[in-house]
PDB file of N, CA and C in Angstrom:
ATOM      1  N   MET A   1     165.377  49.709 106.543  1.00  0.00           N
ATOM      2  CA  MET A   1     164.324  50.708 106.489  1.00  0.00           C
ATOM      3  C   MET A   1     165.012  52.188 105.819  1.00  0.00           C
ATOM      4  N   LYS A   2     165.952  52.405 106.288  1.00  0.00           N
ATOM      5  CA  LYS A   2     166.624  53.864 105.595  1.00  0.00           C
ATOM      6  C   LYS A   2     166.971  53.558 104.117  1.00  0.00           C
ATOM      7  N   GLU A   3     167.353  52.267 103.791  1.00  0.00           N
ATOM      8  CA  GLU A   3     167.571  52.030 102.244  1.00  0.00           C
ATOM      9  C   GLU A   3     166.341  52.336 101.377  1.00  0.00           C
ATOM     10  N   SER A   4     165.209  51.759 101.976  1.00  0.00           N
ATOM     11  CA  SER A   4     163.917  51.898 101.149  1.00  0.00           C
ATOM     12  C   SER A   4     163.449  53.489 100.994  1.00  0.00           C
ATOM     13  N   ASN A   5     163.731  54.074 102.092  1.00  0.00           N
ATOM     14  CA  ASN A   5     163.448  55.620 102.186  1.00  0.00           C
ATOM     15  C   ASN A   5     164.199  56.218 100.904  1.00  0.00           C
ATOM     16  N   ARG A   6     165.381  56.002 101.054  1.00  0.00           N
ATOM     17  CA  ARG A   6     166.393  56.654  99.896  1.00  0.00           C
ATOM     18  C   ARG A   6     165.858  56.120  98.692  1.00  0.00           C
ATOM     19  N   CYS A   7     165.498  55.159  98.378  1.00  0.00           N
ATOM     20  CA  CYS A   7     164.956  54.605  96.885  1.00  0.00           C
ATOM     21  C   CYS A   7     163.612  55.386  96.773  1.00  0.00           C
ATOM     22  N   CYS A   8     162.788  55.420  97.662  1.00  0.00           N
ATOM     23  CA  CYS A   8     161.479  56.227  97.453  1.00  0.00           C
ATOM     24  C   CYS A   8     161.761  57.776  97.191  1.00  0.00           C
ATOM     25  N   LYS A   9     162.708  58.155  97.748  1.00  0.00           N
ATOM     26  CA  LYS A   9     163.178  59.445  97.674  1.00  0.00           C
ATOM     27  C   LYS A   9     163.642  60.245  96.515  1.00  0.00           C
ATOM     28  N   LYS A  10     164.657  59.217  95.929  1.00  0.00           N
ATOM     29  CA  LYS A  10     165.254  59.251  94.691  1.00  0.00           C
ATOM     30  C   LYS A  10     164.061  59.239  93.701  1.00  0.00           C
ATOM     31  N   SER A  11     163.066  58.303  93.753  1.00  0.00           N
ATOM     32  CA  SER A  11     162.042  58.051  92.771  1.00  0.00           C
ATOM     33  C   SER A  11     161.277  59.317  92.725  1.00  0.00           C
ATOM     34  N   ALA A  12     161.023  59.843  93.755  1.00  0.00           N
ATOM     35  CA  ALA A  12     159.991  61.021  93.845  1.00  0.00           C
ATOM     36  C   ALA A  12     160.802  62.250  93.216  1.00  0.00           C
ATOM     37  N   GLU A  13     161.977  62.332  93.504  1.00  0.00           N
ATOM     38  CA  GLU A  13     162.882  63.554  92.940  1.00  0.00           C
ATOM     39  C   GLU A  13     162.884  63.386  91.401  1.00  0.00           C
ATOM     40  N   LYS A  14     163.020  62.205  90.963  1.00  0.00           N
ATOM     41  CA  LYS A  14     163.070  61.832  89.479  1.00  0.00           C
ATOM     42  C   LYS A  14     161.750  62.412  89.088  1.00  0.00           C
ATOM     43  N   GLU A  15     160.757  61.782  89.361  1.00  0.00           N
ATOM     44  CA  GLU A  15     159.419  62.207  88.882  1.00  0.00           C
ATOM     45  C   GLU A  15     159.259  63.604  89.030  1.00  0.00           C
ATOM     46  N   GLN A  16     159.432  64.358  89.878  1.00  0.00           N
ATOM     47  CA  GLN A  16     159.211  65.816  89.731  1.00  0.00           C
ATOM     48  C   GLN A  16     160.020  66.430  88.557  1.00  0.00           C
ATOM     49  N   SER A  17     161.454  65.897  88.290  1.00  0.00           N
ATOM     50  CA  SER A  17     162.072  66.517  87.184  1.00  0.00           C
ATOM     51  C   SER A  17     161.428  66.208  85.984  1.00  0.00           C
ATOM     52  N   ASP A  18     160.583  65.208  85.835  1.00  0.00           N
ATOM     53  CA  ASP A  18     160.235  64.745  84.603  1.00  0.00           C
ATOM     54  C   ASP A  18     159.051  65.742  84.143  1.00  0.00           C
ATOM     55  N   PHE A  19     158.535  66.588  84.875  1.00  0.00           N
ATOM     56  CA  PHE A  19     157.343  67.237  84.414  1.00  0.00           C
ATOM     57  C   PHE A  19     157.916  68.951  84.422  1.00  0.00           C
ATOM     58  N   SER A  20     157.353  69.672  83.632  1.00  0.00           N
ATOM     59  CA  SER A  20     157.709  71.014  83.497  1.00  0.00           C
ATOM     60  C   SER A  20     156.523  71.683  84.021  1.00  0.00           C
ATOM     61  N   ASN A  21     156.925  72.980  84.465  1.00  0.00           N
ATOM     62  CA  ASN A  21     155.858  74.126  85.129  1.00  0.00           C
ATOM     63  C   ASN A  21     155.408  74.952  84.018  1.00  0.00           C
ATOM     64  N   ASN A  22     155.962  74.864  82.928  1.00  0.00           N
ATOM     65  CA  ASN A  22     155.837  75.635  81.889  1.00  0.00           C
ATOM     66  C   ASN A  22     155.279  74.661  80.412  1.00  0.00           C
ATOM     67  N   ILE A  23     154.093  74.640  80.415  1.00  0.00           N
ATOM     68  CA  ILE A  23     153.469  73.865  79.235  1.00  0.00           C
ATOM     69  C   ILE A  23     154.137  74.109  78.076  1.00  0.00           C
ATOM     70  N   TYR A  24     154.455  75.456  77.736  1.00  0.00           N
ATOM     71  CA  TYR A  24     154.844  76.003  76.392  1.00  0.00           C
ATOM     72  C   TYR A  24     156.144  75.377  76.092  1.00  0.00           C
ATOM     73  N   LYS A  25     157.118  74.977  77.127  1.00  0.00           N
ATOM     74  CA  LYS A  25     158.333  74.393  76.920  1.00  0.00           C
ATOM     75  C   LYS A  25     158.054  72.997  76.220  1.00  0.00           C
ATOM     76  N   GLU A  26     156.809  72.246  76.526  1.00  0.00           N
ATOM     77  CA  GLU A  26     156.741  71.154  76.028  1.00  0.00           C
ATOM     78  C   GLU A  26     156.253  70.881  74.413  1.00  0.00           C
ATOM     79  N   LEU A  27     155.889  72.239  73.949  1.00  0.00           N
ATOM     80  CA  LEU A  27     155.341  72.135  72.451  1.00  0.00           C
ATOM     81  C   LEU A  27     156.565  72.361  71.684  1.00  0.00           C
ATOM     82  N   LYS A  28     156.301  71.842  70.390  1.00  0.00           N
ATOM     83  CA  LYS A  28     157.300  71.829  69.369  1.00  0.00           C
ATOM     84  C   LYS A  28     157.293  73.126  68.545  1.00  0.00           C
ATOM     85  N   ILE A  29     158.192  73.613  67.820  1.00  0.00           N
ATOM     86  CA  ILE A  29     158.471  74.919  67.332  1.00  0.00           C
ATOM     87  C   ILE A  29     157.381  75.251  66.559  1.00  0.00           C
ATOM     88  N   PRO A  30     156.688  74.454  65.711  1.00  0.00           N
ATOM     89  CA  PRO A  30     155.648  74.980  64.959  1.00  0.00           C
ATOM     90  C   PRO A  30     154.278  75.313  65.831  1.00  0.00           C
ATOM     91  N   ASP A  31     154.073  74.431  66.767  1.00  0.00           N
ATOM     92  CA  ASP A  31     153.012  74.699  67.765  1.00  0.00           C
ATOM     93  C   ASP A  31     153.308  75.977  68.540  1.00  0.00           C
ATOM     94  N   LEU A  32     154.584  76.216  69.022  1.00  0.00           N
ATOM     95  CA  LEU A  32     154.880  77.446  69.594  1.00  0.00           C
ATOM     96  C   LEU A  32     154.713  78.649  68.775  1.00  0.00           C
ATOM     97  N   LYS A  33     155.096  78.706  67.543  1.00  0.00           N
ATOM     98  CA  LYS A  33     154.775  79.771  66.551  1.00  0.00           C
ATOM     99  C   LYS A  33     153.306  80.007  66.350  1.00  0.00           C
ATOM    100  N   ARG A  34     152.350  78.851  66.105  1.00  0.00           N
ATOM    101  CA  ARG A  34     150.811  79.121  66.104  1.00  0.00           C
ATOM    102  C   ARG A  34     150.336  79.829  67.396  1.00  0.00           C
ATOM    103  N   GLU A  35     150.902  79.390  68.556  1.00  0.00           N
ATOM    104  CA  GLU A  35     150.286  79.771  69.820  1.00  0.00           C
ATOM    105  C   GLU A  35     150.583  81.182  69.958  1.00  0.00           C
ATOM    106  N   TYR A  36     151.915  81.523  69.476  1.00  0.00           N
ATOM    107  CA  TYR A  36     152.339  82.957  69.664  1.00  0.00           C
ATOM    108  C   TYR A  36     151.590  83.722  68.729  1.00  0.00           C
ATOM    109  N   GLN A  37     151.392  83.575  67.585  1.00  0.00           N
ATOM    110  CA  GLN A  37     150.300  84.488  66.667  1.00  0.00           C
ATOM    111  C   GLN A  37     149.073  84.337  67.180  1.00  0.00           C
ATOM    112  N   LYS A  38     148.595  83.390  67.548  1.00  0.00           N
ATOM    113  CA  LYS A  38     147.225  83.293  68.361  1.00  0.00           C
ATOM    114  C   LYS A  38     147.057  84.342  69.550  1.00  0.00           C
ATOM    115  N   SER A  39     147.982  84.205  70.384  1.00  0.00           N
ATOM    116  CA  SER A  39     148.157  85.052  71.488  1.00  0.00           C
ATOM    117  C   SER A  39     148.383  86.537  71.048  1.00  0.00           C
ATOM    118  N   LYS A  40     149.009  86.956  70.238  1.00  0.00           N
ATOM    119  CA  LYS A  40     149.416  88.268  69.441  1.00  0.00           C
ATOM    120  C   LYS A  40     147.738  89.036  69.077  1.00  0.00           C
ATOM    121  N   GLN A  41     147.302  88.056  68.213  1.00  0.00           N
ATOM    122  CA  GLN A  41     145.937  88.392  67.726  1.00  0.00           C
ATOM    123  C   GLN A  41     145.016  88.779  68.699  1.00  0.00           C
ATOM    124  N   ASP A  42     144.775  87.854  69.874  1.00  0.00           N
ATOM    125  CA  ASP A  42     144.059  88.005  70.919  1.00  0.00           C
ATOM    126  C   ASP A  42     144.347  89.366  71.620  1.00  0.00           C
ATOM    127  N   LYS A  43     145.703  89.495  71.795  1.00  0.00           N
ATOM    128  CA  LYS A  43     145.928  90.651  72.647  1.00  0.00           C
ATOM    129  C   LYS A  43     145.450  92.023  71.741  1.00  0.00           C
ATOM    130  N   TYR A  44     145.722  92.116  70.559  1.00  0.00           N
ATOM    131  CA  TYR A  44     145.214  93.058  69.681  1.00  0.00           C
ATOM    132  C   TYR A  44     143.740  93.310  69.725  1.00  0.00           C
ATOM    133  N   GLN A  45     143.182  92.100  69.469  1.00  0.00           N
ATOM    134  CA  GLN A  45     141.820  92.314  69.322  1.00  0.00           C
ATOM    135  C   GLN A  45     141.051  92.573  70.739  1.00  0.00           C
ATOM    136  N   LEU A  46     141.563  92.357  71.855  1.00  0.00           N
ATOM    137  CA  LEU A  46     141.079  92.663  72.965  1.00  0.00           C
ATOM    138  C   LEU A  46     141.462  94.242  73.391  1.00  0.00           C
ATOM    139  N   ARG A  47     142.500  94.741  72.973  1.00  0.00           N
ATOM    140  CA  ARG A  47     142.773  96.065  72.888  1.00  0.00           C
ATOM    141  C   ARG A  47     141.963  96.956  72.143  1.00  0.00           C
ATOM    142  N   ALA A  48     141.734  96.466  70.885  1.00  0.00           N
ATOM    143  CA  ALA A  48     140.725  97.205  69.961  1.00  0.00           C
ATOM    144  C   ALA A  48     139.328  97.211  70.546  1.00  0.00           C
ATOM    145  N   ASP A  49     138.832  96.120  71.287  1.00  0.00           N
ATOM    146  CA  ASP A  49     137.606  95.956  71.835  1.00  0.00           C
ATOM    147  C   ASP A  49     137.482  97.002  73.064  1.00  0.00           C
ATOM    148  N   ILE A  50     138.722  97.220  73.722  1.00  0.00           N
ATOM    149  CA  ILE A  50     138.454  98.221  74.978  1.00  0.00           C
ATOM    150  C   ILE A  50     138.595  99.507  74.326  1.00  0.00           C
ATOM    151  N   LEU A  51     139.299  99.813  73.414  1.00  0.00           N
ATOM    152  CA  LEU A  51     139.112 101.297  72.801  1.00  0.00           C
ATOM    153  C   LEU A  51     137.842 101.493  72.142  1.00  0.00           C
ATOM    154  N   LYS A  52     137.072 100.511  71.680  1.00  0.00           N
ATOM    155  CA  LYS A  52     135.693 100.755  71.122  1.00  0.00           C
ATOM    156  C   LYS A  52     134.710 100.742  72.141  1.00  0.00           C
ATOM    157  N   GLY A  53     135.129 100.435  73.522  1.00  0.00           N
ATOM    158  CA  GLY A  53     134.116 100.669  74.515  1.00  0.00           C
ATOM    159  C   GLY A  53     133.421  99.416  74.740  1.00  0.00           C
ATOM    160  N   ASP A  54     133.637  98.205  74.285  1.00  0.00           N
ATOM    161  CA  ASP A  54     132.882  97.094  74.365  1.00  0.00           C
ATOM    162  C   ASP A  54     133.310  96.571  75.948  1.00  0.00           C
ATOM    163  N   PHE A  55     134.427  96.810  76.540  1.00  0.00           N
ATOM    164  CA  PHE A  55     134.785  96.391  77.819  1.00  0.00           C
ATOM    165  C   PHE A  55     135.120  97.669  78.759  1.00  0.00           C
ATOM    166  N   ASP A  56     134.916  97.439  79.828  1.00  0.00           N
ATOM    167  CA  ASP A  56     135.414  98.612  80.981  1.00  0.00           C
ATOM    168  C   ASP A  56     136.881  98.319  81.085  1.00  0.00           C
ATOM    169  N   LYS A  57     137.707  99.054  80.925  1.00  0.00           N
ATOM    170  CA  LYS A  57     139.112  99.018  81.195  1.00  0.00           C
ATOM    171  C   LYS A  57     139.547  99.169  82.679  1.00  0.00           C
ATOM    172  N   ASP A  58     138.798  99.276  83.459  1.00  0.00           N
ATOM    173  CA  ASP A  58     138.860  99.257  84.984  1.00  0.00           C
ATOM    174  C   ASP A  58     138.394  97.868  85.532  1.00  0.00           C
ATOM    175  N   ASP A  59     137.822  96.928  84.954  1.00  0.00           N
ATOM    176  CA  ASP A  59     137.381  95.657  85.423  1.00  0.00           C
ATOM    177  C   ASP A  59     138.624  94.818  85.651  1.00  0.00           C
ATOM    178  N   PRO A  60     138.539  94.500  87.178  1.00  0.00           N
ATOM    179  CA  PRO A  60     139.675  93.539  87.477  1.00  0.00           C
ATOM    180  C   PRO A  60     139.741  92.295  86.728  1.00  0.00           C
ATOM    181  N   LEU A  61     138.658  91.616  86.495  1.00  0.00           N
ATOM    182  CA  LEU A  61     138.780  90.565  85.786  1.00  0.00           C
ATOM    183  C   LEU A  61     139.594  90.615  84.112  1.00  0.00           C
ATOM    184  N   LEU A  62     138.932  91.847  83.701  1.00  0.00           N
ATOM    185  CA  LEU A  62     139.767  92.002  82.526  1.00  0.00           C
ATOM    186  C   LEU A  62     141.365  92.372  82.735  1.00  0.00           C
ATOM    187  N   ASN A  63     141.615  93.157  83.702  1.00  0.00           N
ATOM    188  CA  ASN A  63     142.896  93.354  84.043  1.00  0.00           C
ATOM    189  C   ASN A  63     143.844  92.010  84.138  1.00  0.00           C
ATOM    190  N   TYR A  64     143.165  91.116  84.956  1.00  0.00           N
ATOM    191  CA  TYR A  64     143.726  90.033  85.365  1.00  0.00           C
ATOM    192  C   TYR A  64     144.016  89.184  83.912  1.00  0.00           C
ATOM    193  N   TYR A  65     143.137  89.101  83.137  1.00  0.00           N
ATOM    194  CA  TYR A  65     143.125  88.358  81.757  1.00  0.00           C
ATOM    195  C   TYR A  65     144.112  88.963  80.939  1.00  0.00           C
ATOM    196  N   MET A  66     144.152  90.289  80.915  1.00  0.00           N
ATOM    197  CA  MET A  66     145.048  91.053  80.198  1.00  0.00           C
ATOM    198  C   MET A  66     146.666  90.648  80.398  1.00  0.00           C
ATOM    199  N   ALA A  67     146.773  90.477  81.888  1.00  0.00           N
ATOM    200  CA  ALA A  67     148.179  90.233  82.460  1.00  0.00           C
ATOM    201  C   ALA A  67     148.721  88.805  82.196  1.00  0.00           C
ATOM    202  N   ARG A  68     147.408  87.905  82.242  1.00  0.00           N
ATOM    203  CA  ARG A  68     148.043  86.609  82.053  1.00  0.00           C
ATOM    204  C   ARG A  68     148.159  86.302  80.596  1.00  0.00           C
ATOM    205  N   LEU A  69     147.448  86.990  79.656  1.00  0.00           N
ATOM    206  CA  LEU A  69     147.659  87.049  78.094  1.00  0.00           C
ATOM    207  C   LEU A  69     149.312  87.518  77.757  1.00  0.00           C
ATOM    208  N   GLU A  70     149.533  88.754  78.311  1.00  0.00           N
ATOM    209  CA  GLU A  70     150.757  89.394  78.233  1.00  0.00           C
ATOM    210  C   GLU A  70     151.869  88.297  78.810  1.00  0.00           C
ATOM    211  N   GLU A  71     151.519  87.598  79.821  1.00  0.00           N
ATOM    212  CA  GLU A  71     152.585  86.703  80.526  1.00  0.00           C
ATOM    213  C   GLU A  71     152.724  85.439  79.383  1.00  0.00           C
ATOM    214  N   LYS A  72     151.637  85.145  78.964  1.00  0.00           N
ATOM    215  CA  LYS A  72     151.590  84.145  78.100  1.00  0.00           C
ATOM    216  C   LYS A  72     152.499  84.401  76.614  1.00  0.00           C
ATOM    217  N   PHE A  73     152.262  85.574  76.150  1.00  0.00           N
ATOM    218  CA  PHE A  73     152.736  86.236  75.006  1.00  0.00           C
ATOM    219  C   PHE A  73     154.426  86.309  75.368  1.00  0.00           C
ATOM    220  N   LYS A  74     154.927  86.796  76.592  1.00  0.00           N
ATOM    221  CA  LYS A  74     156.232  86.955  76.787  1.00  0.00           C
ATOM    222  C   LYS A  74     156.957  85.809  76.877  1.00  0.00           C
ATOM    223  N   SER A  75     156.274  84.461  77.595  1.00  0.00           N
ATOM    224  CA  SER A  75     156.837  83.240  77.757  1.00  0.00           C
ATOM    225  C   SER A  75     157.183  82.561  76.530  1.00  0.00           C
ATOM    226  N   ILE A  76     156.152  82.836  75.579  1.00  0.00           N
ATOM    227  CA  ILE A  76     156.234  82.062  74.175  1.00  0.00           C
ATOM    228  C   ILE A  76     157.532  82.814  73.527  1.00  0.00           C
ATOM    229  N   LYS A  77     157.657  84.126  73.534  1.00  0.00           N
ATOM    230  CA  LYS A  77     158.531  84.951  72.840  1.00  0.00           C
ATOM    231  C   LYS A  77     159.723  84.445  73.486  1.00  0.00           C
ATOM    232  N   ASP A  78     159.920  84.376  74.786  1.00  0.00           N
ATOM    233  CA  ASP A  78     161.175  84.049  75.310  1.00  0.00           C
ATOM    234  C   ASP A  78     161.686  82.642  74.915  1.00  0.00           C
ATOM    235  N   LEU A  79     160.737  81.695  74.919  1.00  0.00           N
ATOM    236  CA  LEU A  79     161.256  80.442  74.423  1.00  0.00           C
ATOM    237  C   LEU A  79     161.554  80.193  72.888  1.00  0.00           C
ATOM    238  N   LEU A  80     161.003  81.090  71.967  1.00  0.00           N
ATOM    239  CA  LEU A  80     161.303  81.001  70.784  1.00  0.00           C
ATOM    240  C   LEU A  80     162.713  81.821  70.288  1.00  0.00           C
ATOM    241  N   ASN A  81     162.810  83.035  71.274  1.00  0.00           N
ATOM    242  CA  ASN A  81     164.273  83.459  71.209  1.00  0.00           C
ATOM    243  C   ASN A  81     165.191  82.832  71.674  1.00  0.00           C
ATOM    244  N   LYS A  82     165.150  81.971  72.729  1.00  0.00           N
ATOM    245  CA  LYS A  82     166.114  81.015  73.163  1.00  0.00           C
ATOM    246  C   LYS A  82     166.496  79.969  72.378  1.00  0.00           C
ATOM    247  N   TRP A  83     165.273  79.254  71.426  1.00  0.00           N
ATOM    248  CA  TRP A  83     165.667  78.318  70.418  1.00  0.00           C
ATOM    249  C   TRP A  83     166.481  79.045  69.321  1.00  0.00           C
ATOM    250  N   LEU A  84     166.051  80.303  69.006  1.00  0.00           N
ATOM    251  CA  LEU A  84     166.784  80.753  67.858  1.00  0.00           C
ATOM    252  C   LEU A  84     168.303  81.128  68.071  1.00  0.00           C
ATOM    253  N   ARG A  85     168.377  81.471  69.306  1.00  0.00           N
ATOM    254  CA  ARG A  85     170.065  81.673  69.916  1.00  0.00           C
ATOM    255  C   ARG A  85     170.553  80.563  69.678  1.00  0.00           C
ATOM    256  N   GLU A  86     169.819  79.211  70.180  1.00  0.00           N
ATOM    257  CA  GLU A  86     170.572  78.074  70.392  1.00  0.00           C
ATOM    258  C   GLU A  86     170.877  77.535  68.886  1.00  0.00           C
ATOM    259  N   LYS A  87     170.125  77.873  68.077  1.00  0.00           N
ATOM    260  CA  LYS A  87     170.275  77.237  66.530  1.00  0.00           C
ATOM    261  C   LYS A  87     171.239  78.316  65.826  1.00  0.00           C
ATOM    262  N   ARG A  88     171.446  79.493  66.375  1.00  0.00           N
ATOM    263  CA  ARG A  88     172.233  80.575  65.827  1.00  0.00           C
ATOM    264  C   ARG A  88     171.372  81.077  64.280  1.00  0.00           C
ATOM    265  N   LEU A  89     170.092  81.091  64.756  1.00  0.00           N
ATOM    266  CA  LEU A  89     169.223  81.903  63.585  1.00  0.00           C
ATOM    267  C   LEU A  89     168.835  83.014  63.796  1.00  0.00           C
ATOM    268  N   HIS A  90     168.265  83.880  62.866  1.00  0.00           N
ATOM    269  CA  HIS A  90     167.600  85.009  63.094  1.00  0.00           C
ATOM    270  C   HIS A  90     166.084  84.952  62.928  1.00  0.00           C
ATOM    271  N   THR A  91     165.615  84.303  62.144  1.00  0.00           N
ATOM    272  CA  THR A  91     164.102  84.192  61.890  1.00  0.00           C
ATOM    273  C   THR A  91     163.841  82.508  61.818  1.00  0.00           C
ATOM    274  N   ILE A  92     162.530  82.239  62.178  1.00  0.00           N
ATOM    275  CA  ILE A  92     162.227  80.761  61.997  1.00  0.00           C
ATOM    276  C   ILE A  92     161.402  80.727  60.469  1.00  0.00           C
TER     277      ILE A  92
END
């Protein structure tokens, strides 16, 4: 019985390592670039809308959305920079 438990445990460990917690790591570079540009546009548009008064800047839901958008933006930017460093490139 111990042998079968080892087998199942190894299989479960392998299965967990096959999946990423960061969906952006799964995207190809052109898709990452497109998503980065879209995130950048969304961020600037939302800031412009807040300045116009279309949104209440103290709204907790808005603050949550802005934090998530900033996290997405930073995550994609980090992945692109990592890829550039690995390829020893300066721009894509």
